[in-house]
Amino acid sequence: YHYLNQWTPFLSLSMSDVNTLIIDPLREFAKDSVRLVKKCTKPDRKEFVRIALATGTGMVVMGFVGFFVKLIHIPINQIIVGGN
């Protein structure tokens, strides 16, 4: 039962230690999350279009980068491997 030795410090925690180490950080995280959700607002149409265009542009750019990397990779791979 040597695997229990690694858990010994956690088995001897008092309730105030559990409160300090686990409960308080979770409570603080929940309060911060609620505050964030209350502060968030729905974007208006202009902001939404701007975000959608930026996201779409990023996807297109990443697609072209991936395409050109693959385009360069195929001939280099054929030279290295020596395929038919």
N, C-alpha and C. Protein backbone atom coordinates (compact mmCIF):
# COMPACT_ATOMS: atom_id res chain seq x y z
N TYR A 1 0.83 -1.20 0.00
CA TYR A 1 0.00 0.00 0.00
C TYR A 1 0.87 1.26 0.00
N HIS A 2 1.95 1.19 -0.75
CA HIS A 2 2.87 2.33 -0.81
C HIS A 2 2.24 3.52 -1.52
N TYR A 3 1.21 3.27 -2.35
CA TYR A 3 0.58 4.38 -3.07
C TYR A 3 -0.21 5.30 -2.13
N LEU A 4 -0.57 4.81 -0.95
CA LEU A 4 -1.27 5.66 0.01
C LEU A 4 -0.36 6.71 0.63
N ASN A 5 0.96 6.45 0.62
CA ASN A 5 1.89 7.39 1.23
C ASN A 5 1.86 8.75 0.55
N GLN A 6 1.64 8.77 -0.74
CA GLN A 6 1.62 10.05 -1.45
C GLN A 6 0.37 10.86 -1.11
N TRP A 7 -0.69 10.20 -0.63
CA TRP A 7 -1.93 10.91 -0.30
C TRP A 7 -2.03 11.25 1.18
N THR A 8 -1.06 10.85 1.97
CA THR A 8 -1.11 11.06 3.41
C THR A 8 -1.27 12.53 3.79
N PRO A 9 -0.55 13.49 3.16
CA PRO A 9 -0.76 14.89 3.54
C PRO A 9 -2.20 15.37 3.31
N PHE A 10 -2.86 14.85 2.28
CA PHE A 10 -4.22 15.28 1.99
C PHE A 10 -5.24 14.62 2.91
N LEU A 11 -4.92 13.45 3.41
CA LEU A 11 -5.85 12.75 4.29
C LEU A 11 -5.90 13.39 5.67
N SER A 12 -4.87 14.14 6.04
CA SER A 12 -4.83 14.72 7.38
C SER A 12 -5.24 16.20 7.39
N LEU A 13 -5.92 16.68 6.35
CA LEU A 13 -6.35 18.07 6.31
C LEU A 13 -7.53 18.31 7.25
N SER A 14 -7.52 19.44 7.91
CA SER A 14 -8.66 19.80 8.75
C SER A 14 -9.71 20.48 7.87
N MET A 15 -10.88 20.70 8.43
CA MET A 15 -11.97 21.31 7.66
C MET A 15 -11.63 22.74 7.27
N SER A 16 -10.92 23.47 8.11
CA SER A 16 -10.54 24.85 7.77
C SER A 16 -9.52 24.87 6.63
N ASP A 17 -8.64 23.84 6.60
CA ASP A 17 -7.69 23.74 5.49
C ASP A 17 -8.42 23.46 4.18
N VAL A 18 -9.40 22.57 4.23
CA VAL A 18 -10.19 22.26 3.04
C VAL A 18 -10.91 23.52 2.58
N ASN A 19 -11.45 24.26 3.53
CA ASN A 19 -12.15 25.51 3.21
C ASN A 19 -11.20 26.49 2.53
N THR A 20 -9.99 26.63 3.06
CA THR A 20 -9.02 27.58 2.53
C THR A 20 -8.49 27.14 1.16
N LEU A 21 -8.24 25.85 1.01
CA LEU A 21 -7.60 25.36 -0.22
C LEU A 21 -8.59 25.10 -1.36
N ILE A 22 -9.82 24.72 -1.04
CA ILE A 22 -10.75 24.28 -2.09
C ILE A 22 -11.98 25.16 -2.19
N ILE A 23 -12.69 25.33 -1.11
CA ILE A 23 -13.99 26.01 -1.14
C ILE A 23 -13.85 27.49 -1.47
N ASP A 24 -12.93 28.20 -0.80
CA ASP A 24 -12.78 29.64 -1.02
C ASP A 24 -12.39 29.97 -2.47
N PRO A 25 -11.40 29.28 -3.08
CA PRO A 25 -11.09 29.59 -4.47
C PRO A 25 -12.26 29.31 -5.42
N LEU A 26 -13.02 28.23 -5.16
CA LEU A 26 -14.18 27.94 -6.00
C LEU A 26 -15.26 29.01 -5.86
N ARG A 27 -15.47 29.47 -4.64
CA ARG A 27 -16.46 30.52 -4.40
C ARG A 27 -16.04 31.82 -5.10
N GLU A 28 -14.77 32.16 -5.00
CA GLU A 28 -14.25 33.37 -5.66
C GLU A 28 -14.37 33.27 -7.18
N PHE A 29 -14.07 32.08 -7.72
CA PHE A 29 -14.21 31.87 -9.16
C PHE A 29 -15.66 32.03 -9.60
N ALA A 30 -16.59 31.49 -8.83
CA ALA A 30 -18.01 31.60 -9.16
C ALA A 30 -18.46 33.07 -9.13
N LYS A 31 -18.02 33.82 -8.14
CA LYS A 31 -18.39 35.24 -8.06
C LYS A 31 -17.83 36.01 -9.25
N ASP A 32 -16.58 35.74 -9.60
CA ASP A 32 -15.97 36.42 -10.76
C ASP A 32 -16.69 36.05 -12.05
N SER A 33 -17.08 34.79 -12.19
CA SER A 33 -17.79 34.36 -13.39
C SER A 33 -19.14 35.04 -13.53
N VAL A 34 -19.88 35.14 -12.44
CA VAL A 34 -21.19 35.80 -12.46
C VAL A 34 -21.01 37.27 -12.82
N ARG A 35 -20.00 37.92 -12.25
CA ARG A 35 -19.73 39.33 -12.55
C ARG A 35 -19.41 39.51 -14.03
N LEU A 36 -18.62 38.60 -14.60
CA LEU A 36 -18.26 38.68 -16.02
C LEU A 36 -19.49 38.52 -16.91
N VAL A 37 -20.33 37.55 -16.61
CA VAL A 37 -21.52 37.31 -17.43
C VAL A 37 -22.48 38.49 -17.36
N LYS A 38 -22.61 39.10 -16.19
CA LYS A 38 -23.50 40.26 -16.06
C LYS A 38 -22.96 41.46 -16.83
N LYS A 39 -21.63 41.58 -16.93
CA LYS A 39 -21.02 42.72 -17.61
C LYS A 39 -21.03 42.56 -19.13
N CYS A 40 -21.10 41.33 -19.63
CA CYS A 40 -21.08 41.08 -21.08
C CYS A 40 -22.34 41.63 -21.73
N THR A 41 -22.17 42.15 -22.94
CA THR A 41 -23.31 42.65 -23.70
C THR A 41 -23.33 42.00 -25.07
N LYS A 42 -24.51 41.96 -25.66
CA LYS A 42 -24.66 41.40 -27.00
C LYS A 42 -24.11 42.42 -28.00
N PRO A 43 -23.29 41.98 -28.97
CA PRO A 43 -22.75 42.94 -29.93
C PRO A 43 -23.83 43.48 -30.86
N ASP A 44 -23.70 44.75 -31.26
CA ASP A 44 -24.64 45.29 -32.24
C ASP A 44 -24.25 44.77 -33.63
N ARG A 45 -25.06 45.09 -34.62
CA ARG A 45 -24.87 44.53 -35.95
C ARG A 45 -23.51 44.92 -36.55
N LYS A 46 -23.09 46.18 -36.37
CA LYS A 46 -21.83 46.65 -36.94
C LYS A 46 -20.65 45.89 -36.32
N GLU A 47 -20.68 45.74 -35.01
CA GLU A 47 -19.60 45.02 -34.33
C GLU A 47 -19.58 43.55 -34.75
N PHE A 48 -20.76 42.94 -34.87
CA PHE A 48 -20.84 41.54 -35.27
C PHE A 48 -20.27 41.34 -36.67
N VAL A 49 -20.61 42.24 -37.61
CA VAL A 49 -20.11 42.12 -38.98
C VAL A 49 -18.59 42.26 -39.00
N ARG A 50 -18.07 43.20 -38.20
CA ARG A 50 -16.62 43.38 -38.14
C ARG A 50 -15.92 42.12 -37.61
N ILE A 51 -16.47 41.54 -36.57
CA ILE A 51 -15.87 40.33 -35.99
C ILE A 51 -15.98 39.17 -36.98
N ALA A 52 -17.14 39.05 -37.65
CA ALA A 52 -17.32 37.97 -38.61
C ALA A 52 -16.35 38.11 -39.78
N LEU A 53 -16.15 39.33 -40.28
CA LEU A 53 -15.21 39.54 -41.38
C LEU A 53 -13.77 39.23 -40.94
N ALA A 54 -13.40 39.65 -39.75
CA ALA A 54 -12.05 39.37 -39.26
C ALA A 54 -11.83 37.87 -39.11
N THR A 55 -12.82 37.17 -38.58
CA THR A 55 -12.71 35.72 -38.41
C THR A 55 -12.64 35.02 -39.76
N GLY A 56 -13.50 35.43 -40.69
CA GLY A 56 -13.48 34.84 -42.03
C GLY A 56 -12.17 35.09 -42.74
N THR A 57 -11.66 36.30 -42.62
CA THR A 57 -10.37 36.62 -43.25
C THR A 57 -9.26 35.75 -42.66
N GLY A 58 -9.27 35.58 -41.37
CA GLY A 58 -8.27 34.72 -40.72
C GLY A 58 -8.36 33.29 -41.20
N MET A 59 -9.58 32.78 -41.36
CA MET A 59 -9.76 31.40 -41.86
C MET A 59 -9.23 31.26 -43.28
N VAL A 60 -9.53 32.25 -44.13
CA VAL A 60 -9.06 32.20 -45.53
C VAL A 60 -7.54 32.26 -45.57
N VAL A 61 -6.94 33.15 -44.78
CA VAL A 61 -5.48 33.26 -44.76
C VAL A 61 -4.84 31.96 -44.29
N MET A 62 -5.39 31.39 -43.22
CA MET A 62 -4.85 30.12 -42.72
C MET A 62 -5.02 29.00 -43.74
N GLY A 63 -6.12 29.02 -44.47
CA GLY A 63 -6.33 28.03 -45.53
C GLY A 63 -5.28 28.15 -46.62
N PHE A 64 -4.99 29.37 -47.05
CA PHE A 64 -3.96 29.58 -48.07
C PHE A 64 -2.59 29.18 -47.56
N VAL A 65 -2.28 29.51 -46.32
CA VAL A 65 -0.99 29.12 -45.75
C VAL A 65 -0.87 27.60 -45.75
N GLY A 66 -1.90 26.91 -45.29
CA GLY A 66 -1.87 25.45 -45.29
C GLY A 66 -1.75 24.87 -46.69
N PHE A 67 -2.44 25.47 -47.65
CA PHE A 67 -2.38 25.00 -49.04
C PHE A 67 -0.97 25.15 -49.60
N PHE A 68 -0.35 26.31 -49.37
CA PHE A 68 0.99 26.53 -49.91
C PHE A 68 2.04 25.68 -49.20
N VAL A 69 1.87 25.45 -47.91
CA VAL A 69 2.79 24.55 -47.21
C VAL A 69 2.68 23.15 -47.78
N LYS A 70 1.47 22.70 -48.00
CA LYS A 70 1.28 21.37 -48.60
C LYS A 70 1.83 21.33 -50.02
N LEU A 71 1.62 22.41 -50.78
CA LEU A 71 2.11 22.50 -52.15
C LEU A 71 3.63 22.41 -52.20
N ILE A 72 4.29 23.01 -51.23
CA ILE A 72 5.76 22.95 -51.18
C ILE A 72 6.22 21.60 -50.61
N HIS A 73 5.46 21.05 -49.69
CA HIS A 73 5.84 19.80 -49.03
C HIS A 73 5.81 18.61 -49.98
N ILE A 74 4.86 18.55 -50.90
CA ILE A 74 4.72 17.38 -51.78
C ILE A 74 5.97 17.17 -52.63
N PRO A 75 6.47 18.20 -53.38
CA PRO A 75 7.68 17.94 -54.17
C PRO A 75 8.91 17.63 -53.32
N ILE A 76 9.04 18.28 -52.16
CA ILE A 76 10.19 18.00 -51.29
C ILE A 76 10.11 16.57 -50.79
N ASN A 77 8.92 16.13 -50.42
CA ASN A 77 8.73 14.75 -49.95
C ASN A 77 9.06 13.76 -51.08
N GLN A 78 8.68 14.07 -52.31
CA GLN A 78 8.98 13.18 -53.44
C GLN A 78 10.48 13.08 -53.66
N ILE A 79 11.19 14.19 -53.49
CA ILE A 79 12.64 14.18 -53.67
C ILE A 79 13.31 13.35 -52.57
N ILE A 80 12.85 13.53 -51.34
CA ILE A 80 13.47 12.83 -50.21
C ILE A 80 13.16 11.33 -50.27
N VAL A 81 11.89 11.00 -50.46
CA VAL A 81 11.47 9.60 -50.44
C VAL A 81 11.83 8.92 -51.76
N GLY A 82 11.78 9.69 -52.84
CA GLY A 82 12.10 9.12 -54.15
C GLY A 82 10.97 8.28 -54.71
N GLY A 83 9.76 8.81 -54.60
CA GLY A 83 8.60 8.09 -55.11
C GLY A 83 8.57 8.02 -56.62
N ASN A 84 7.71 7.15 -57.15
CA ASN A 84 7.62 6.96 -58.61
C ASN A 84 6.96 8.15 -59.23
